[in-house]
C-alpha atoms as a PDB file:
ATOM      1  CA  MET A   1     157.352 149.904-110.182  1.00  0.00           C
ATOM      2  CA  ASP A   2     158.830 146.429-110.717  1.00  0.00           C
ATOM      3  CA  ASN A   3     162.569 146.485-109.928  1.00  0.00           C
ATOM      4  CA  ASN A   4     163.266 142.861-110.836  1.00  0.00           C
ATOM      5  CA  ILE A   5     166.023 142.352-113.419  1.00  0.00           C
ATOM      6  CA  ILE A   6     166.253 138.859-114.911  1.00  0.00           C
ATOM      7  CA  LEU A   7     169.840 137.909-115.735  1.00  0.00           C
ATOM      8  CA  GLU A   8     171.279 135.050-117.760  1.00  0.00           C
ATOM      9  CA  LEU A   9     175.041 134.920-117.171  1.00  0.00           C
ATOM     10  CA  GLY A  10     176.124 132.553-119.928  1.00  0.00           C
ATOM     11  CA  GLY A  11     179.572 131.597-121.080  1.00  0.00           C
ATOM     12  CA  CYS A  12     178.842 133.023-124.548  1.00  0.00           C
ATOM     13  CA  PHE A  13     176.216 135.697-123.903  1.00  0.00           C
ATOM     14  CA  VAL A  14     175.004 137.759-120.986  1.00  0.00           C
ATOM     15  CA  LYS A  15     171.339 138.788-121.182  1.00  0.00           C
ATOM     16  CA  ALA A  16     169.042 141.016-119.158  1.00  0.00           C
ATOM     17  CA  TYR A  17     165.245 141.254-119.157  1.00  0.00           C
ATOM     18  CA  THR A  18     162.786 143.569-117.442  1.00  0.00           C
ATOM     19  CA  LYS A  19     159.028 143.242-117.100  1.00  0.00           C
ATOM     20  CA  GLN A  20     158.491 146.672-118.645  1.00  0.00           C
ATOM     21  CA  ASN A  21     160.827 146.457-121.644  1.00  0.00           C
ATOM     22  CA  GLY A  22     161.497 142.770-122.308  1.00  0.00           C
ATOM     23  CA  LEU A  23     164.961 141.696-123.446  1.00  0.00           C
ATOM     24  CA  ILE A  24     167.014 144.858-122.953  1.00  0.00           C
ATOM     25  CA  PHE A  25     170.564 143.525-123.165  1.00  0.00           C
ATOM     26  CA  LYS A  26     172.291 140.696-125.027  1.00  0.00           C
ATOM     27  CA  GLU A  27     176.026 140.853-125.632  1.00  0.00           C
ATOM     28  CA  PRO A  28     178.926 138.392-125.783  1.00  0.00           C
ATOM     29  CA  SER A  29     180.237 137.663-122.286  1.00  0.00           C
ATOM     30  CA  TYR A  30     183.754 138.807-123.116  1.00  0.00           C
ATOM     31  CA  VAL A  31     186.223 141.153-121.487  1.00  0.00           C
ATOM     32  CA  ALA A  32     189.162 142.110-123.737  1.00  0.00           C
ATOM     33  CA  CYS A  33     192.450 143.020-122.091  1.00  0.00           C
ATOM     34  CA  VAL A  34     196.021 143.872-123.017  1.00  0.00           C
ATOM     35  CA  LYS A  35     198.876 142.754-120.795  1.00  0.00           C
ATOM     36  CA  MET A  36     200.772 145.594-119.127  1.00  0.00           C
ATOM     37  CA  GLY A  37     203.736 144.164-117.247  1.00  0.00           C
ATOM     38  CA  GLU A  38     202.356 141.706-114.707  1.00  0.00           C
ATOM     39  CA  SER A  39     198.784 142.972-114.922  1.00  0.00           C
ATOM     40  CA  TYR A  40     196.030 143.315-117.520  1.00  0.00           C
ATOM     41  CA  GLN A  41     194.408 146.529-118.696  1.00  0.00           C
ATOM     42  CA  VAL A  42     190.785 146.286-119.828  1.00  0.00           C
ATOM     43  CA  ARG A  43     190.276 147.473-123.404  1.00  0.00           C
ATOM     44  CA  ALA A  44     186.649 146.573-124.049  1.00  0.00           C
ATOM     45  CA  ILE A  45     183.634 144.681-122.708  1.00  0.00           C
ATOM     46  CA  GLY A  46     180.782 142.817-124.393  1.00  0.00           C
ATOM     47  CA  LEU A  47     180.222 143.400-128.095  1.00  0.00           C
ATOM     48  CA  ASP A  48     183.330 145.565-128.480  1.00  0.00           C
ATOM     49  CA  ALA A  49     185.410 142.853-126.794  1.00  0.00           C
ATOM     50  CA  LYS A  50     184.038 140.269-129.246  1.00  0.00           C
ATOM     51  CA  LYS A  51     185.179 142.464-132.147  1.00  0.00           C
ATOM     52  CA  ILE A  52     188.665 142.539-130.652  1.00  0.00           C
ATOM     53  CA  SER A  53     188.604 138.747-130.181  1.00  0.00           C
ATOM     54  CA  ASP A  54     188.025 138.373-133.927  1.00  0.00           C
ATOM     55  CA  ILE A  55     191.405 140.024-134.563  1.00  0.00           C
ATOM     56  CA  ASP A  56     194.285 137.545-134.527  1.00  0.00           C
ATOM     57  CA  ASP A  57     196.675 139.426-132.215  1.00  0.00           C
ATOM     58  CA  GLU A  58     198.770 137.692-129.559  1.00  0.00           C
ATOM     59  CA  ASN A  59     198.710 140.867-127.441  1.00  0.00           C
ATOM     60  CA  ASN A  60     194.956 140.586-126.938  1.00  0.00           C
ATOM     61  CA  PHE A  61     193.683 138.506-124.038  1.00  0.00           C
ATOM     62  CA  ILE A  62     189.968 137.686-123.997  1.00  0.00           C
ATOM     63  CA  PHE A  63     188.336 136.597-120.745  1.00  0.00           C
ATOM     64  CA  SER A  64     184.840 135.301-120.101  1.00  0.00           C
ATOM     65  CA  PRO A  65     184.041 135.912-116.428  1.00  0.00           C
ATOM     66  CA  PHE A  66     181.027 133.573-116.540  1.00  0.00           C
ATOM     67  CA  GLY A  67     180.552 129.940-117.511  1.00  0.00           C
ATOM     68  CA  GLU A  68     178.677 126.765-116.514  1.00  0.00           C
ATOM     69  CA  GLY A  69     176.400 128.882-114.327  1.00  0.00           C
ATOM     70  CA  LYS A  70     179.353 130.064-112.233  1.00  0.00           C
ATOM     71  CA  ILE A  71     181.455 133.158-111.683  1.00  0.00           C
ATOM     72  CA  LYS A  72     184.879 132.478-113.167  1.00  0.00           C
ATOM     73  CA  ASN A  73     186.469 135.774-112.135  1.00  0.00           C
ATOM     74  CA  ASN A  74     184.851 138.150-109.642  1.00  0.00           C
ATOM     75  CA  GLU A  75     186.739 141.280-110.755  1.00  0.00           C
ATOM     76  CA  TYR A  76     185.799 140.949-114.421  1.00  0.00           C
ATOM     77  CA  ALA A  77     182.269 139.804-113.546  1.00  0.00           C
ATOM     78  CA  ILE A  78     181.695 143.017-111.561  1.00  0.00           C
ATOM     79  CA  LEU A  79     183.078 145.076-114.453  1.00  0.00           C
ATOM     80  CA  PHE A  80     180.699 143.329-116.839  1.00  0.00           C
ATOM     81  CA  ILE A  81     177.582 143.702-114.677  1.00  0.00           C
ATOM     82  CA  ASN A  82     178.301 147.394-114.124  1.00  0.00           C
ATOM     83  CA  TYR A  83     178.757 147.776-117.892  1.00  0.00           C
ATOM     84  CA  LEU A  84     175.367 146.075-118.412  1.00  0.00           C
ATOM     85  CA  LEU A  85     173.639 148.358-115.907  1.00  0.00           C
ATOM     86  CA  LYS A  86     175.127 151.502-117.413  1.00  0.00           C
ATOM     87  CA  LYS A  87     174.405 150.533-121.019  1.00  0.00           C
ATOM     88  CA  SER A  88     170.841 149.490-120.145  1.00  0.00           C
ATOM     89  CA  ASN A  89     170.330 152.693-118.129  1.00  0.00           C
ATOM     90  CA  ILE A  90     169.388 150.719-115.018  1.00  0.00           C
ATOM     91  CA  LYS A  91     169.816 152.694-111.814  1.00  0.00           C
ATOM     92  CA  LYS A  92     169.136 151.830-108.202  1.00  0.00           C
ATOM     93  CA  PRO A  93     165.745 153.264-107.186  1.00  0.00           C
ATOM     94  CA  LEU A  94     165.779 155.893-104.434  1.00  0.00           C
ATOM     95  CA  PHE A  95     163.130 154.320-102.230  1.00  0.00           C
ATOM     96  CA  SER A  96     163.240 150.640-103.087  1.00  0.00           C
ATOM     97  CA  SER A  97     165.714 147.885-103.819  1.00  0.00           C
ATOM     98  CA  LEU A  98     167.143 146.590-107.079  1.00  0.00           C
ATOM     99  CA  ASN A  99     166.472 142.844-107.334  1.00  0.00           C
ATOM    100  CA  ALA A 100     168.083 140.205-109.537  1.00  0.00           C
ATOM    101  CA  ILE A 101     166.535 136.958-110.731  1.00  0.00           C
ATOM    102  CA  VAL A 102     169.346 134.786-112.077  1.00  0.00           C
ATOM    103  CA  ILE A 103     168.805 131.828-114.417  1.00  0.00           C
ATOM    104  CA  VAL A 104     171.071 128.920-113.441  1.00  0.00           C
ATOM    105  CA  PRO A 105     171.629 125.310-114.599  1.00  0.00           C
ATOM    106  CA  SER A 106     170.077 122.508-112.581  1.00  0.00           C
ATOM    107  CA  SER A 107     173.421 121.489-111.052  1.00  0.00           C
ATOM    108  CA  ASN A 108     174.131 124.978-109.672  1.00  0.00           C
ATOM    109  CA  THR A 109     175.388 124.628-106.084  1.00  0.00           C
ATOM    110  CA  MET A 110     174.881 126.802-103.020  1.00  0.00           C
ATOM    111  CA  GLN A 111     178.512 127.895-103.300  1.00  0.00           C
ATOM    112  CA  ASP A 112     177.971 128.901-106.954  1.00  0.00           C
ATOM    113  CA  ARG A 113     174.934 130.918-105.935  1.00  0.00           C
ATOM    114  CA  SER A 114     176.805 132.543-103.068  1.00  0.00           C
ATOM    115  CA  GLU A 115     179.523 133.760-105.466  1.00  0.00           C
ATOM    116  CA  ILE A 116     176.932 135.112-107.904  1.00  0.00           C
ATOM    117  CA  SER A 117     175.131 136.908-105.061  1.00  0.00           C
ATOM    118  CA  LYS A 118     178.394 138.421-103.847  1.00  0.00           C
ATOM    119  CA  VAL A 119     179.163 139.843-107.288  1.00  0.00           C
ATOM    120  CA  LEU A 120     175.650 141.215-107.817  1.00  0.00           C
ATOM    121  CA  CYS A 121     175.554 142.793-104.364  1.00  0.00           C
ATOM    122  CA  ALA A 122     178.843 144.543-105.208  1.00  0.00           C
ATOM    123  CA  CYS A 123     177.023 145.992-108.249  1.00  0.00           C
ATOM    124  CA  GLY A 124     174.129 147.410-106.212  1.00  0.00           C
ATOM    125  CA  PHE A 125     171.609 144.556-106.148  1.00  0.00           C
ATOM    126  CA  GLU A 126     170.099 144.028-102.694  1.00  0.00           C
ATOM    127  CA  ASN A 127     168.076 140.868-103.307  1.00  0.00           C
ATOM    128  CA  VAL A 128     169.164 137.970-105.511  1.00  0.00           C
ATOM    129  CA  LYS A 129     166.939 135.003-106.351  1.00  0.00           C
ATOM    130  CA  PHE A 130     167.634 132.010-108.573  1.00  0.00           C
ATOM    131  CA  ILE A 131     165.523 129.987-110.982  1.00  0.00           C
ATOM    132  CA  PRO A 132     166.557 126.801-112.818  1.00  0.00           C
ATOM    133  CA  ASN A 133     166.999 127.064-116.564  1.00  0.00           C
ATOM    134  CA  ALA A 134     164.651 124.159-117.355  1.00  0.00           C
ATOM    135  CA  ILE A 135     161.743 125.760-115.474  1.00  0.00           C
ATOM    136  CA  CYS A 136     162.187 128.899-117.578  1.00  0.00           C
ATOM    137  CA  VAL A 137     162.243 126.845-120.782  1.00  0.00           C
ATOM    138  CA  SER A 138     159.138 124.931-119.691  1.00  0.00           C
ATOM    139  CA  SER A 139     157.377 128.245-119.121  1.00  0.00           C
ATOM    140  CA  TYR A 140     158.361 129.404-122.604  1.00  0.00           C
ATOM    141  CA  ILE A 141     156.849 126.334-124.283  1.00  0.00           C
ATOM    142  CA  GLY A 142     153.562 126.821-122.472  1.00  0.00           C
ATOM    143  CA  MET A 143     153.603 124.942-119.183  1.00  0.00           C
ATOM    144  CA  SER A 144     151.413 126.490-116.466  1.00  0.00           C
ATOM    145  CA  LYS A 145     150.952 125.882-112.741  1.00  0.00           C
ATOM    146  CA  TYR A 146     147.818 123.893-113.585  1.00  0.00           C
ATOM    147  CA  SER A 147     149.824 121.299-115.488  1.00  0.00           C
ATOM    148  CA  SER A 148     151.281 118.110-114.018  1.00  0.00           C
ATOM    149  CA  LYS A 149     153.365 117.592-117.154  1.00  0.00           C
ATOM    150  CA  VAL A 150     157.047 116.642-116.930  1.00  0.00           C
ATOM    151  CA  ASN A 151     159.424 117.958-119.593  1.00  0.00           C
ATOM    152  CA  LEU A 152     162.829 116.600-120.531  1.00  0.00           C
ATOM    153  CA  VAL A 153     164.794 119.727-121.467  1.00  0.00           C
ATOM    154  CA  VAL A 154     168.254 119.554-123.052  1.00  0.00           C
ATOM    155  CA  ASP A 155     169.964 122.946-123.225  1.00  0.00           C
ATOM    156  CA  ILE A 156     173.225 122.869-125.232  1.00  0.00           C
ATOM    157  CA  GLY A 157     174.859 126.250-124.772  1.00  0.00           C
ATOM    158  CA  GLY A 158     178.241 127.825-125.306  1.00  0.00           C
ATOM    159  CA  SER A 159     180.053 126.388-122.300  1.00  0.00           C
ATOM    160  CA  LYS A 160     177.749 123.729-120.820  1.00  0.00           C
ATOM    161  CA  THR A 161     174.943 121.278-121.510  1.00  0.00           C
ATOM    162  CA  ASP A 162     172.107 121.062-118.996  1.00  0.00           C
ATOM    163  CA  VAL A 163     169.777 118.046-119.005  1.00  0.00           C
ATOM    164  CA  SER A 164     166.754 118.351-116.708  1.00  0.00           C
ATOM    165  CA  LEU A 165     163.409 116.800-115.910  1.00  0.00           C
ATOM    166  CA  SER A 166     161.199 119.750-115.058  1.00  0.00           C
ATOM    167  CA  THR A 167     157.686 120.390-113.804  1.00  0.00           C
ATOM    168  CA  PHE A 168     156.165 123.869-113.585  1.00  0.00           C
ATOM    169  CA  ASP A 169     158.011 124.809-110.395  1.00  0.00           C
ATOM    170  CA  SER A 170     160.642 122.169-109.649  1.00  0.00           C
ATOM    171  CA  ILE A 171     163.477 120.089-111.049  1.00  0.00           C
ATOM    172  CA  LEU A 172     162.885 116.364-110.548  1.00  0.00           C
ATOM    173  CA  ASN A 173     166.333 115.418-111.777  1.00  0.00           C
ATOM    174  CA  GLY A 174     169.091 117.205-113.606  1.00  0.00           C
ATOM    175  CA  ALA A 175     172.783 117.221-114.444  1.00  0.00           C
ATOM    176  CA  THR A 176     175.208 119.563-116.182  1.00  0.00           C
ATOM    177  CA  ILE A 177     178.374 118.779-118.118  1.00  0.00           C
ATOM    178  CA  ASN A 178     180.960 121.267-119.312  1.00  0.00           C
ATOM    179  CA  LEU A 179     180.452 120.582-123.011  1.00  0.00           C
ATOM    180  CA  GLY A 180     179.192 123.217-125.429  1.00  0.00           C
ATOM    181  CA  GLY A 181     179.780 125.318-128.495  1.00  0.00           C
ATOM    182  CA  LYS A 182     183.091 126.804-127.336  1.00  0.00           C
ATOM    183  CA  GLY A 183     184.635 123.393-126.854  1.00  0.00           C
ATOM    184  CA  MET A 184     183.380 122.347-130.273  1.00  0.00           C
ATOM    185  CA  ASN A 185     185.098 125.380-131.804  1.00  0.00           C
ATOM    186  CA  LYS A 186     188.395 124.258-130.252  1.00  0.00           C
ATOM    187  CA  SER A 187     187.860 120.692-131.442  1.00  0.00           C
ATOM    188  CA  VAL A 188     187.248 121.910-135.014  1.00  0.00           C
ATOM    189  CA  LEU A 189     190.381 124.039-134.790  1.00  0.00           C
ATOM    190  CA  ASP A 190     192.525 121.084-133.661  1.00  0.00           C
ATOM    191  CA  PHE A 191     191.077 118.630-136.167  1.00  0.00           C
ATOM    192  CA  VAL A 192     191.308 120.873-139.241  1.00  0.00           C
ATOM    193  CA  SER A 193     194.731 122.244-138.253  1.00  0.00           C
ATOM    194  CA  ASN A 194     196.165 118.752-137.861  1.00  0.00           C
ATOM    195  CA  LYS A 195     194.530 117.261-140.950  1.00  0.00           C
ATOM    196  CA  TYR A 196     195.621 120.015-143.337  1.00  0.00           C
ATOM    197  CA  ASN A 197     198.787 121.043-141.458  1.00  0.00           C
ATOM    198  CA  ILE A 198     197.716 124.683-141.265  1.00  0.00           C
ATOM    199  CA  ASP A 199     197.696 127.423-138.649  1.00  0.00           C
ATOM    200  CA  LEU A 200     194.020 128.113-137.959  1.00  0.00           C
ATOM    201  CA  PRO A 201     192.826 130.990-135.725  1.00  0.00           C
ATOM    202  CA  ILE A 202     189.931 130.216-133.378  1.00  0.00           C
ATOM    203  CA  VAL A 203     187.679 132.825-135.016  1.00  0.00           C
ATOM    204  CA  LEU A 204     188.000 130.977-138.347  1.00  0.00           C
ATOM    205  CA  ALA A 205     187.377 127.618-136.659  1.00  0.00           C
ATOM    206  CA  GLU A 206     184.148 129.057-135.222  1.00  0.00           C
ATOM    207  CA  LYS A 207     183.123 130.273-138.689  1.00  0.00           C
ATOM    208  CA  ILE A 208     183.822 126.819-140.168  1.00  0.00           C
ATOM    209  CA  LYS A 209     181.695 125.182-137.478  1.00  0.00           C
ATOM    210  CA  GLU A 210     178.823 127.615-138.026  1.00  0.00           C
ATOM    211  CA  GLU A 211     178.949 127.054-141.789  1.00  0.00           C
ATOM    212  CA  LEU A 212     179.508 123.293-141.952  1.00  0.00           C
ATOM    213  CA  ALA A 213     178.400 121.718-138.663  1.00  0.00           C
ATOM    214  CA  SER A 214     176.208 118.755-139.613  1.00  0.00           C
ATOM    215  CA  LEU A 215     175.522 115.370-138.021  1.00  0.00           C
ATOM    216  CA  TYR A 216     174.418 113.802-141.300  1.00  0.00           C
ATOM    217  CA  ASP A 217     176.993 111.193-142.327  1.00  0.00           C
ATOM    218  CA  ASN A 218     176.372 111.909-146.021  1.00  0.00           C
ATOM    219  CA  ASP A 219     176.633 115.716-145.953  1.00  0.00           C
ATOM    220  CA  VAL A 220     178.915 116.769-148.833  1.00  0.00           C
ATOM    221  CA  SER A 221     179.018 120.497-148.044  1.00  0.00           C
ATOM    222  CA  SER A 222     182.383 122.254-148.105  1.00  0.00           C
ATOM    223  CA  MET A 223     183.925 125.706-147.907  1.00  0.00           C
ATOM    224  CA  LYS A 224     187.158 127.330-149.022  1.00  0.00           C
ATOM    225  CA  ILE A 225     189.321 129.039-146.436  1.00  0.00           C
ATOM    226  CA  ARG A 226     192.600 130.903-146.519  1.00  0.00           C
ATOM    227  CA  ALA A 227     195.062 129.718-143.906  1.00  0.00           C
ATOM    228  CA  TYR A 228     198.777 129.721-143.134  1.00  0.00           C
ATOM    229  CA  ASP A 229     200.465 126.534-144.420  1.00  0.00           C
ATOM    230  CA  ASN A 230     203.066 125.203-141.976  1.00  0.00           C
ATOM    231  CA  VAL A 231     204.927 123.319-144.716  1.00  0.00           C
ATOM    232  CA  SER A 232     205.295 125.969-147.418  1.00  0.00           C
ATOM    233  CA  ASP A 233     205.423 128.819-144.869  1.00  0.00           C
ATOM    234  CA  SER A 234     202.856 130.773-146.886  1.00  0.00           C
ATOM    235  CA  GLU A 235     199.120 131.414-147.162  1.00  0.00           C
ATOM    236  CA  ILE A 236     197.167 128.787-149.099  1.00  0.00           C
ATOM    237  CA  VAL A 237     193.566 127.957-149.986  1.00  0.00           C
ATOM    238  CA  VAL A 238     192.148 124.855-148.281  1.00  0.00           C
ATOM    239  CA  ILE A 239     188.797 123.151-148.868  1.00  0.00           C
ATOM    240  CA  VAL A 240     187.264 122.036-145.564  1.00  0.00           C
ATOM    241  CA  HIS A 241     184.450 119.476-145.671  1.00  0.00           C
ATOM    242  CA  ALA A 242     181.369 118.984-143.508  1.00  0.00           C
ATOM    243  CA  GLN A 243     182.649 115.517-142.664  1.00  0.00           C
ATOM    244  CA  ASP A 244     185.765 117.101-141.120  1.00  0.00           C
ATOM    245  CA  VAL A 245     183.563 119.124-138.794  1.00  0.00           C
ATOM    246  CA  ARG A 246     181.324 116.134-138.059  1.00  0.00           C
ATOM    247  CA  GLU A 247     184.306 114.055-136.983  1.00  0.00           C
ATOM    248  CA  ALA A 248     185.481 116.883-134.725  1.00  0.00           C
ATOM    249  CA  ILE A 249     182.156 117.527-132.969  1.00  0.00           C
ATOM    250  CA  LEU A 250     180.574 114.057-132.923  1.00  0.00           C
ATOM    251  CA  PRO A 251     182.202 113.028-129.598  1.00  0.00           C
ATOM    252  CA  TYR A 252     180.455 115.958-127.899  1.00  0.00           C
ATOM    253  CA  PHE A 253     177.028 114.774-128.990  1.00  0.00           C
ATOM    254  CA  GLU A 254     177.863 111.200-128.012  1.00  0.00           C
ATOM    255  CA  GLU A 255     178.636 112.412-124.470  1.00  0.00           C
ATOM    256  CA  ILE A 256     175.432 114.453-124.372  1.00  0.00           C
ATOM    257  CA  SER A 257     173.521 111.340-125.508  1.00  0.00           C
ATOM    258  CA  LYS A 258     174.997 109.396-122.585  1.00  0.00           C
ATOM    259  CA  LEU A 259     173.806 112.058-120.153  1.00  0.00           C
ATOM    260  CA  ILE A 260     170.300 111.959-121.639  1.00  0.00           C
ATOM    261  CA  GLU A 261     170.291 108.149-121.418  1.00  0.00           C
ATOM    262  CA  THR A 262     171.370 108.278-117.759  1.00  0.00           C
ATOM    263  CA  THR A 263     168.580 110.755-117.021  1.00  0.00           C
ATOM    264  CA  LEU A 264     165.989 108.564-118.750  1.00  0.00           C
ATOM    265  CA  ASN A 265     167.188 105.479-116.850  1.00  0.00           C
ATOM    266  CA  MET A 266     166.397 107.250-113.573  1.00  0.00           C
ATOM    267  CA  CYS A 267     162.752 107.891-114.540  1.00  0.00           C
ATOM    268  CA  ASN A 268     159.830 105.845-113.264  1.00  0.00           C
ATOM    269  CA  GLN A 269     157.281 104.411-115.699  1.00  0.00           C
ATOM    270  CA  GLU A 270     154.812 107.267-115.242  1.00  0.00           C
ATOM    271  CA  ILE A 271     157.402 109.891-116.220  1.00  0.00           C
ATOM    272  CA  LEU A 272     158.737 107.734-119.059  1.00  0.00           C
ATOM    273  CA  SER A 273     155.209 107.494-120.428  1.00  0.00           C
ATOM    274  CA  GLN A 274     154.947 111.294-120.520  1.00  0.00           C
ATOM    275  CA  ILE A 275     158.314 111.638-122.219  1.00  0.00           C
ATOM    276  CA  ARG A 276     157.343 109.042-124.844  1.00  0.00           C
ATOM    277  CA  ASN A 277     154.375 111.244-125.704  1.00  0.00           C
ATOM    278  CA  ASN A 278     155.994 114.663-125.355  1.00  0.00           C
ATOM    279  CA  GLY A 279     159.539 113.872-126.431  1.00  0.00           C
ATOM    280  CA  ILE A 280     162.746 115.768-125.735  1.00  0.00           C
ATOM    281  CA  TYR A 281     162.919 119.562-125.913  1.00  0.00           C
ATOM    282  CA  LEU A 282     166.178 120.966-127.304  1.00  0.00           C
ATOM    283  CA  CYS A 283     167.391 124.535-126.862  1.00  0.00           C
ATOM    284  CA  GLY A 284     170.606 126.536-126.669  1.00  0.00           C
ATOM    285  CA  SER A 285     172.736 127.844-129.524  1.00  0.00           C
ATOM    286  CA  VAL A 286     174.025 124.375-130.481  1.00  0.00           C
ATOM    287  CA  ALA A 287     170.450 123.073-130.889  1.00  0.00           C
ATOM    288  CA  LYS A 288     170.484 124.617-134.378  1.00  0.00           C
ATOM    289  CA  THR A 289     173.125 122.126-135.574  1.00  0.00           C
ATOM    290  CA  THR A 290     172.019 120.512-138.841  1.00  0.00           C
ATOM    291  CA  GLY A 291     170.915 116.911-138.340  1.00  0.00           C
ATOM    292  CA  LEU A 292     170.672 117.097-134.545  1.00  0.00           C
ATOM    293  CA  GLU A 293     166.954 116.245-134.528  1.00  0.00           C
ATOM    294  CA  LYS A 294     167.550 113.033-136.505  1.00  0.00           C
ATOM    295  CA  PHE A 295     170.668 112.213-134.469  1.00  0.00           C
ATOM    296  CA  PHE A 296     168.758 112.151-131.171  1.00  0.00           C
ATOM    297  CA  HIS A 297     165.639 110.568-132.675  1.00  0.00           C
ATOM    298  CA  ASP A 298     167.662 107.633-134.023  1.00  0.00           C
ATOM    299  CA  ARG A 299     169.191 107.056-130.588  1.00  0.00           C
ATOM    300  CA  PHE A 300     166.143 107.411-128.372  1.00  0.00           C
ATOM    301  CA  LEU A 301     163.182 106.775-130.715  1.00  0.00           C
ATOM    302  CA  LEU A 302     161.413 109.743-129.142  1.00  0.00           C
ATOM    303  CA  PRO A 303     159.881 112.894-130.617  1.00  0.00           C
ATOM    304  CA  ILE A 304     162.549 115.618-130.773  1.00  0.00           C
ATOM    305  CA  ASN A 305     161.345 119.207-130.419  1.00  0.00           C
ATOM    306  CA  ILE A 306     163.767 122.011-131.270  1.00  0.00           C
ATOM    307  CA  ILE A 307     162.317 125.000-129.456  1.00  0.00           C
ATOM    308  CA  GLU A 308     161.585 128.118-131.461  1.00  0.00           C
ATOM    309  CA  ASN A 309     163.946 130.958-130.527  1.00  0.00           C
ATOM    310  CA  CYS A 310     166.186 128.336-128.954  1.00  0.00           C
ATOM    311  CA  ASP A 311     168.926 130.880-128.110  1.00  0.00           C
ATOM    312  CA  ASP A 312     166.741 133.089-125.908  1.00  0.00           C
ATOM    313  CA  CYS A 313     163.868 130.843-124.808  1.00  0.00           C
ATOM    314  CA  ALA A 314     165.117 130.544-121.201  1.00  0.00           C
ATOM    315  CA  ILE A 315     165.204 134.271-120.438  1.00  0.00           C
ATOM    316  CA  LEU A 316     161.973 134.865-122.380  1.00  0.00           C
ATOM    317  CA  GLY A 317     160.358 132.047-120.386  1.00  0.00           C
ATOM    318  CA  ALA A 318     161.579 133.616-117.134  1.00  0.00           C
ATOM    319  CA  GLY A 319     160.051 136.888-118.297  1.00  0.00           C
ATOM    320  CA  LYS A 320     156.771 135.108-118.933  1.00  0.00           C
ATOM    321  CA  LEU A 321     156.849 133.718-115.385  1.00  0.00           C
ATOM    322  CA  LEU A 322     157.562 137.173-113.970  1.00  0.00           C
ATOM    323  CA  LYS A 323     154.528 138.605-115.763  1.00  0.00           C
ATOM    324  CA  THR A 324     152.141 135.699-115.160  1.00  0.00           C
ATOM    325  CA  TYR A 325     153.223 134.317-111.757  1.00  0.00           C
ATOM    326  CA  PRO A 326     155.236 137.094-110.026  1.00  0.00           C
ATOM    327  CA  GLN A 327     154.543 135.521-106.656  1.00  0.00           C
ATOM    328  CA  ILE A 328     157.024 132.691-107.291  1.00  0.00           C
ATOM    329  CA  PHE A 329     159.871 135.237-107.099  1.00  0.00           C
ATOM    330  CA  LYS A 330     158.820 136.656-103.701  1.00  0.00           C
END
């Protein structure tokens, strides 16, 4: 029996995959707590914690124990992993070990990996191995060990953006910046709140971003929201425009563009020639932003490929590797 569990410990979602059953777990990486004196009492984990986070209540404290490929809080991380194992009905085998294969960004350090291993060992895993995100994505889009192809993979997730040059089994160059969907939500909140002088909860800012996020400079979409007006001290209806959201999130994509440009400038002519033919591969939840393909194409004059199933392609690609080339995890 294969006892390898593939884990993706993202800042927005935690996912688990097994060779036998595929993607068995995907829930928001949240732990919801209520403050009791000087300490916090856990109220919910995962999907139930996300439901609590959608309620505007100052007594609720929502923690994400993972982010940027790191453990942010060991105590809550252990709680979450144990919750995952219980909900997925994963138990330690009697006569063999439980092994974890963890997907990490290209910039993941030995110290980051040591902290992840420590947490997973506390949850019953005996062996922990790591695989870079871009290699998993390359597997998903069809790269095999017989290919000498180099892919430029840009993964824009909830808490980080990972830019990597990947072959089948190695990262030639890569960098990670702490820019992603969560930061964009906060930027939308600040921009809209200040422009319309309203009190805007983060859950509504996220909804506005999901509805109106567009990088087209002529997008005339809009939506009505109900918000608390700081001037009249009452609830009012406000019309928020796509251009408001664009102005709030554009600096994030400008910074991501700079990271891509830096990565391209470090390539030799042979690799650049491959990238000119193959283009840039985009994945992660933010890759679905309207107009992103044109935005990057206009800047780099390269083919832009938004990967199908861009939210889950990394863990599905790791699963493909586990089935096709299990020896690389030994």
